[in-house]
Amino acid sequence: MYKKVLPSHRLFKRFEERIITGDVELRDVVRMGAQIMLQHAVEIEMSAFLDRT
């Protein structure tokens, strides 16, 4: 069965890869961290909204 990978998980995986390769600066960590948190918050809100209908 196919299971959808959430966008926040894809973003986090990309973030991890950049950390491992050392291809990241502090400003990138902050920006990518904020992006991941916002994406996750949107996913939670959408899930809650869809469960209400």
PDB file of N, CA and C in Angstrom:
ATOM      1  N   MET A   1       0.846  -1.185   0.000  1.00  0.00           N
ATOM      2  CA  MET A   1       0.000   0.000   0.000  1.00  0.00           C
ATOM      3  C   MET A   1       0.887   1.242   0.000  1.00  0.00           C
ATOM      4  N   TYR A   2       0.521   2.200  -0.797  1.00  0.00           N
ATOM      5  CA  TYR A   2       1.268   3.448  -0.905  1.00  0.00           C
ATOM      6  C   TYR A   2       0.919   4.372   0.252  1.00  0.00           C
ATOM      7  N   LYS A   3       1.945   4.883   0.904  1.00  0.00           N
ATOM      8  CA  LYS A   3       1.720   5.818   2.002  1.00  0.00           C
ATOM      9  C   LYS A   3       2.364   7.151   1.634  1.00  0.00           C
ATOM     10  N   LYS A   4       1.608   8.227   1.772  1.00  0.00           N
ATOM     11  CA  LYS A   4       2.096   9.546   1.408  1.00  0.00           C
ATOM     12  C   LYS A   4       3.143  10.031   2.413  1.00  0.00           C
ATOM     13  N   VAL A   5       4.215  10.610   1.876  1.00  0.00           N
ATOM     14  CA  VAL A   5       5.247  11.214   2.718  1.00  0.00           C
ATOM     15  C   VAL A   5       4.897  12.691   2.859  1.00  0.00           C
ATOM     16  N   LEU A   6       4.776  13.140   4.083  1.00  0.00           N
ATOM     17  CA  LEU A   6       4.403  14.522   4.329  1.00  0.00           C
ATOM     18  C   LEU A   6       5.509  15.472   3.884  1.00  0.00           C
ATOM     19  N   PRO A   7       5.130  16.638   3.376  1.00  0.00           N
ATOM     20  CA  PRO A   7       6.138  17.619   2.954  1.00  0.00           C
ATOM     21  C   PRO A   7       7.120  17.981   4.064  1.00  0.00           C
ATOM     22  N   SER A   8       6.655  18.050   5.300  1.00  0.00           N
ATOM     23  CA  SER A   8       7.562  18.388   6.398  1.00  0.00           C
ATOM     24  C   SER A   8       8.625  17.301   6.588  1.00  0.00           C
ATOM     25  N   HIS A   9       8.266  16.058   6.330  1.00  0.00           N
ATOM     26  CA  HIS A   9       9.244  14.974   6.452  1.00  0.00           C
ATOM     27  C   HIS A   9      10.279  15.058   5.340  1.00  0.00           C
ATOM     28  N   ARG A  10       9.835  15.428   4.130  1.00  0.00           N
ATOM     29  CA  ARG A  10      10.778  15.610   3.017  1.00  0.00           C
ATOM     30  C   ARG A  10      11.735  16.756   3.312  1.00  0.00           C
ATOM     31  N   LEU A  11      11.199  17.862   3.843  1.00  0.00           N
ATOM     32  CA  LEU A  11      12.040  19.006   4.189  1.00  0.00           C
ATOM     33  C   LEU A  11      13.056  18.623   5.250  1.00  0.00           C
ATOM     34  N   PHE A  12      12.621  17.882   6.261  1.00  0.00           N
ATOM     35  CA  PHE A  12      13.524  17.471   7.329  1.00  0.00           C
ATOM     36  C   PHE A  12      14.614  16.540   6.807  1.00  0.00           C
ATOM     37  N   LYS A  13      14.254  15.635   5.902  1.00  0.00           N
ATOM     38  CA  LYS A  13      15.239  14.715   5.322  1.00  0.00           C
ATOM     39  C   LYS A  13      16.295  15.509   4.550  1.00  0.00           C
ATOM     40  N   ARG A  14      15.865  16.501   3.774  1.00  0.00           N
ATOM     41  CA  ARG A  14      16.790  17.350   3.025  1.00  0.00           C
ATOM     42  C   ARG A  14      17.696  18.120   3.996  1.00  0.00           C
ATOM     43  N   PHE A  15      17.113  18.593   5.084  1.00  0.00           N
ATOM     44  CA  PHE A  15      17.870  19.310   6.121  1.00  0.00           C
ATOM     45  C   PHE A  15      18.939  18.392   6.716  1.00  0.00           C
ATOM     46  N   GLU A  16      18.548  17.170   7.073  1.00  0.00           N
ATOM     47  CA  GLU A  16      19.497  16.209   7.630  1.00  0.00           C
ATOM     48  C   GLU A  16      20.656  15.932   6.676  1.00  0.00           C
ATOM     49  N   GLU A  17      20.339  15.775   5.399  1.00  0.00           N
ATOM     50  CA  GLU A  17      21.371  15.505   4.403  1.00  0.00           C
ATOM     51  C   GLU A  17      22.370  16.652   4.316  1.00  0.00           C
ATOM     52  N   ARG A  18      21.872  17.880   4.374  1.00  0.00           N
ATOM     53  CA  ARG A  18      22.771  19.032   4.316  1.00  0.00           C
ATOM     54  C   ARG A  18      23.630  19.135   5.571  1.00  0.00           C
ATOM     55  N   ILE A  19      23.083  18.783   6.725  1.00  0.00           N
ATOM     56  CA  ILE A  19      23.849  18.790   7.968  1.00  0.00           C
ATOM     57  C   ILE A  19      24.967  17.746   7.889  1.00  0.00           C
ATOM     58  N   ILE A  20      24.633  16.552   7.435  1.00  0.00           N
ATOM     59  CA  ILE A  20      25.609  15.463   7.346  1.00  0.00           C
ATOM     60  C   ILE A  20      26.755  15.819   6.397  1.00  0.00           C
ATOM     61  N   THR A  21      26.422  16.424   5.259  1.00  0.00           N
ATOM     62  CA  THR A  21      27.461  16.770   4.285  1.00  0.00           C
ATOM     63  C   THR A  21      28.226  18.024   4.676  1.00  0.00           C
ATOM     64  N   GLY A  22      27.744  18.738   5.681  1.00  0.00           N
ATOM     65  CA  GLY A  22      28.419  19.960   6.122  1.00  0.00           C
ATOM     66  C   GLY A  22      28.145  21.145   5.217  1.00  0.00           C
ATOM     67  N   ASP A  23      27.149  21.013   4.362  1.00  0.00           N
ATOM     68  CA  ASP A  23      26.794  22.060   3.402  1.00  0.00           C
ATOM     69  C   ASP A  23      25.713  22.974   3.987  1.00  0.00           C
ATOM     70  N   VAL A  24      26.005  23.569   5.157  1.00  0.00           N
ATOM     71  CA  VAL A  24      24.997  24.396   5.797  1.00  0.00           C
ATOM     72  C   VAL A  24      25.681  25.437   6.692  1.00  0.00           C
ATOM     73  N   GLU A  25      25.108  26.621   6.694  1.00  0.00           N
ATOM     74  CA  GLU A  25      25.571  27.687   7.571  1.00  0.00           C
ATOM     75  C   GLU A  25      24.485  27.952   8.605  1.00  0.00           C
ATOM     76  N   LEU A  26      24.823  28.747   9.617  1.00  0.00           N
ATOM     77  CA  LEU A  26      23.867  29.019  10.690  1.00  0.00           C
ATOM     78  C   LEU A  26      22.579  29.623  10.152  1.00  0.00           C
ATOM     79  N   ARG A  27      22.674  30.569   9.236  1.00  0.00           N
ATOM     80  CA  ARG A  27      21.453  31.192   8.698  1.00  0.00           C
ATOM     81  C   ARG A  27      20.581  30.166   7.972  1.00  0.00           C
ATOM     82  N   ASP A  28      21.228  29.164   7.337  1.00  0.00           N
ATOM     83  CA  ASP A  28      20.468  28.103   6.675  1.00  0.00           C
ATOM     84  C   ASP A  28      19.743  27.231   7.697  1.00  0.00           C
ATOM     85  N   VAL A  29      20.406  26.955   8.815  1.00  0.00           N
ATOM     86  CA  VAL A  29      19.792  26.149   9.871  1.00  0.00           C
ATOM     87  C   VAL A  29      18.545  26.844  10.399  1.00  0.00           C
ATOM     88  N   VAL A  30      18.663  28.141  10.651  1.00  0.00           N
ATOM     89  CA  VAL A  30      17.529  28.908  11.176  1.00  0.00           C
ATOM     90  C   VAL A  30      16.394  28.943  10.154  1.00  0.00           C
ATOM     91  N   ARG A  31      16.732  29.251   8.913  1.00  0.00           N
ATOM     92  CA  ARG A  31      15.710  29.353   7.867  1.00  0.00           C
ATOM     93  C   ARG A  31      15.015  28.023   7.632  1.00  0.00           C
ATOM     94  N   MET A  32      15.812  26.966   7.489  1.00  0.00           N
ATOM     95  CA  MET A  32      15.228  25.650   7.224  1.00  0.00           C
ATOM     96  C   MET A  32      14.440  25.134   8.433  1.00  0.00           C
ATOM     97  N   GLY A  33      14.921  25.426   9.643  1.00  0.00           N
ATOM     98  CA  GLY A  33      14.182  25.030  10.838  1.00  0.00           C
ATOM     99  C   GLY A  33      12.828  25.699  10.909  1.00  0.00           C
ATOM    100  N   ALA A  34      12.796  26.989  10.598  1.00  0.00           N
ATOM    101  CA  ALA A  34      11.527  27.720  10.599  1.00  0.00           C
ATOM    102  C   ALA A  34      10.593  27.179   9.518  1.00  0.00           C
ATOM    103  N   GLN A  35      11.144  26.888   8.357  1.00  0.00           N
ATOM    104  CA  GLN A  35      10.332  26.362   7.263  1.00  0.00           C
ATOM    105  C   GLN A  35       9.720  25.011   7.634  1.00  0.00           C
ATOM    106  N   ILE A  36      10.514  24.155   8.249  1.00  0.00           N
ATOM    107  CA  ILE A  36      10.015  22.835   8.665  1.00  0.00           C
ATOM    108  C   ILE A  36       8.916  22.983   9.712  1.00  0.00           C
ATOM    109  N   MET A  37       9.125  23.855  10.705  1.00  0.00           N
ATOM    110  CA  MET A  37       8.112  24.052  11.752  1.00  0.00           C
ATOM    111  C   MET A  37       6.814  24.603  11.180  1.00  0.00           C
ATOM    112  N   LEU A  38       6.905  25.574  10.279  1.00  0.00           N
ATOM    113  CA  LEU A  38       5.693  26.138   9.677  1.00  0.00           C
ATOM    114  C   LEU A  38       4.957  25.101   8.830  1.00  0.00           C
ATOM    115  N   GLN A  39       5.690  24.319   8.058  1.00  0.00           N
ATOM    116  CA  GLN A  39       5.064  23.287   7.235  1.00  0.00           C
ATOM    117  C   GLN A  39       4.360  22.263   8.120  1.00  0.00           C
ATOM    118  N   HIS A  40       5.002  21.884   9.201  1.00  0.00           N
ATOM    119  CA  HIS A  40       4.401  20.913  10.116  1.00  0.00           C
ATOM    120  C   HIS A  40       3.132  21.487  10.753  1.00  0.00           C
ATOM    121  N   ALA A  41       3.177  22.757  11.133  1.00  0.00           N
ATOM    122  CA  ALA A  41       2.000  23.406  11.723  1.00  0.00           C
ATOM    123  C   ALA A  41       0.841  23.439  10.732  1.00  0.00           C
ATOM    124  N   VAL A  42       1.128  23.715   9.477  1.00  0.00           N
ATOM    125  CA  VAL A  42       0.084  23.728   8.438  1.00  0.00           C
ATOM    126  C   VAL A  42      -0.515  22.333   8.288  1.00  0.00           C
ATOM    127  N   GLU A  43       0.326  21.316   8.291  1.00  0.00           N
ATOM    128  CA  GLU A  43      -0.170  19.943   8.172  1.00  0.00           C
ATOM    129  C   GLU A  43      -1.074  19.577   9.347  1.00  0.00           C
ATOM    130  N   ILE A  44      -0.706  19.976  10.547  1.00  0.00           N
ATOM    131  CA  ILE A  44      -1.534  19.704  11.729  1.00  0.00           C
ATOM    132  C   ILE A  44      -2.872  20.421  11.618  1.00  0.00           C
ATOM    133  N   GLU A  45      -2.837  21.688  11.213  1.00  0.00           N
ATOM    134  CA  GLU A  45      -4.080  22.454  11.069  1.00  0.00           C
ATOM    135  C   GLU A  45      -4.986  21.853   9.998  1.00  0.00           C
ATOM    136  N   MET A  46      -4.398  21.448   8.874  1.00  0.00           N
ATOM    137  CA  MET A  46      -5.202  20.845   7.804  1.00  0.00           C
ATOM    138  C   MET A  46      -5.812  19.523   8.265  1.00  0.00           C
ATOM    139  N   SER A  47      -5.037  18.750   8.981  1.00  0.00           N
ATOM    140  CA  SER A  47      -5.537  17.471   9.477  1.00  0.00           C
ATOM    141  C   SER A  47      -6.701  17.714  10.451  1.00  0.00           C
ATOM    142  N   ALA A  48      -6.556  18.665  11.344  1.00  0.00           N
ATOM    143  CA  ALA A  48      -7.619  18.973  12.300  1.00  0.00           C
ATOM    144  C   ALA A  48      -8.859  19.496  11.570  1.00  0.00           C
ATOM    145  N   PHE A  49      -8.652  20.333  10.577  1.00  0.00           N
ATOM    146  CA  PHE A  49      -9.774  20.879   9.815  1.00  0.00           C
ATOM    147  C   PHE A  49     -10.520  19.773   9.083  1.00  0.00           C
ATOM    148  N   LEU A  50      -9.801  18.884   8.444  1.00  0.00           N
ATOM    149  CA  LEU A  50     -10.438  17.808   7.681  1.00  0.00           C
ATOM    150  C   LEU A  50     -11.140  16.818   8.590  1.00  0.00           C
ATOM    151  N   ASP A  51     -10.657  16.629   9.799  1.00  0.00           N
ATOM    152  CA  ASP A  51     -11.313  15.731  10.735  1.00  0.00           C
ATOM    153  C   ASP A  51     -12.623  16.324  11.257  1.00  0.00           C
ATOM    154  N   ARG A  52     -12.738  17.661  11.229  1.00  0.00           N
ATOM    155  CA  ARG A  52     -13.955  18.322  11.713  1.00  0.00           C
ATOM    156  C   ARG A  52     -15.109  18.217  10.722  1.00  0.00           C
ATOM    157  N   THR A  53     -14.803  17.977   9.454  1.00  0.00           N
ATOM    158  CA  THR A  53     -15.870  17.943   8.439  1.00  0.00           C
ATOM    159  C   THR A  53     -16.484  16.591   8.306  1.00  0.00           C
TER     160      THR A  53
END
